[in-house]
Amino acid sequence: MVKLLLALRADVGENRVVLSREEYEQLISAYRNLFTIKTIFERFLCASSSGKKMFSIITRTWNPVTGCRHGCRYCWARRLALTKLRNRERYAKGFIPRLNEEEFKVKFNDGEMVFVSDMGDLFGSFIPRRWIIRVINHIKRFPRTFFLFLTKNPQRYEEFIDIMPENAILGATIETNRDALYTEHRISRAPLPSVRIRAMINLTWDKKFISIEPVLDFDLEAFLDQLMRINPIMIYIGYDNYNNRLPEPPLSKVLTLIERLSKSPILVIAKTLRRAWFEDLTAYVEGSPCQGQARSNGSREKSLS
């Protein structure tokens, strides 16, 4: 029996991968099964993430290094350190970078998902290299535990890529793709979004993670293309939880981004989804008696002129 051969164009150059009809159908079936599993997990994780401040995949946090110098205007960790936690030794001098020796006695269980240094930025340019190496060496002792790193300085991952264990998930916070918006509103002293995007695109690692939180206004088509080029295994996206009046996108735009990302193999998990703060304000003004009066006055002035 003559096989029907199907040529599938590969990503690199003019190479071809030739499959039989049976092989092709098996490949499509496997992809559909994986996509179904992805959809189930997305719905479950989105439901368990709704309104929560922590990533729903996290089973525990671990803070061998705390503190940060990025000065993000929406930073909940700095606010917490300077208020409720201000009497703890590690925050006695403020939210400055600190190595917490006691944390290196901590042991982890198989199958846990550990968020490393959620109270700081471990890969910030202000963190000594030896601190990062100590953290990496510690997690190597637990090869059956997953460790999530999240930074606003992802270009620094390259310094440690040769010693990074396979159970590390390398993440970056990328709230927007608009550098001008970032600087105009003085969001942070962290590297600009375009620098982070480029670093994550260039990062050779099979377990990448993106947090678009708090989401800031963005260019839909360009941002979508950049996220696809990063090719993360997972993206979390959500609005600010702390009423910081950030330059947010309208909800319809965020929902469109989520919908289009969800058609890809990337696991997309929505956290806090709501109307942008200015949308509620606009709705209030448009529905208020003052707005109606303004419209009436405008019509009256026009009729008298």
Foldseek 3Di string as FASTA:
>chain_A
DDFDWDWDADPDDRDTDIDTPVVVVVVVVVVVVLLVVLVVVQVVQQVVQAPDDDRSQAPEEAEQKAAEDFPFVQDPLQVCLVPVVCPPPVQVVGRHIDGDVVRLVDDDDAPGEYEYHPRYACQPPPHDPVSVVSVQVSCVVPLRYAYEHEHLALLSCVVCVVSHHLRYAYEYEQQECDQVLCVVVVRTNGPGNVNVLVSLLPDPHQAYEYENPQHADYDQVVVLVSVVSSPHQEYEYAHRPPPPLGRHDALVSVVVSQVVVSVDNHNYHYHHGDGRPVVVVVVDCCPDPVNVVVVVVVVVVVVVD
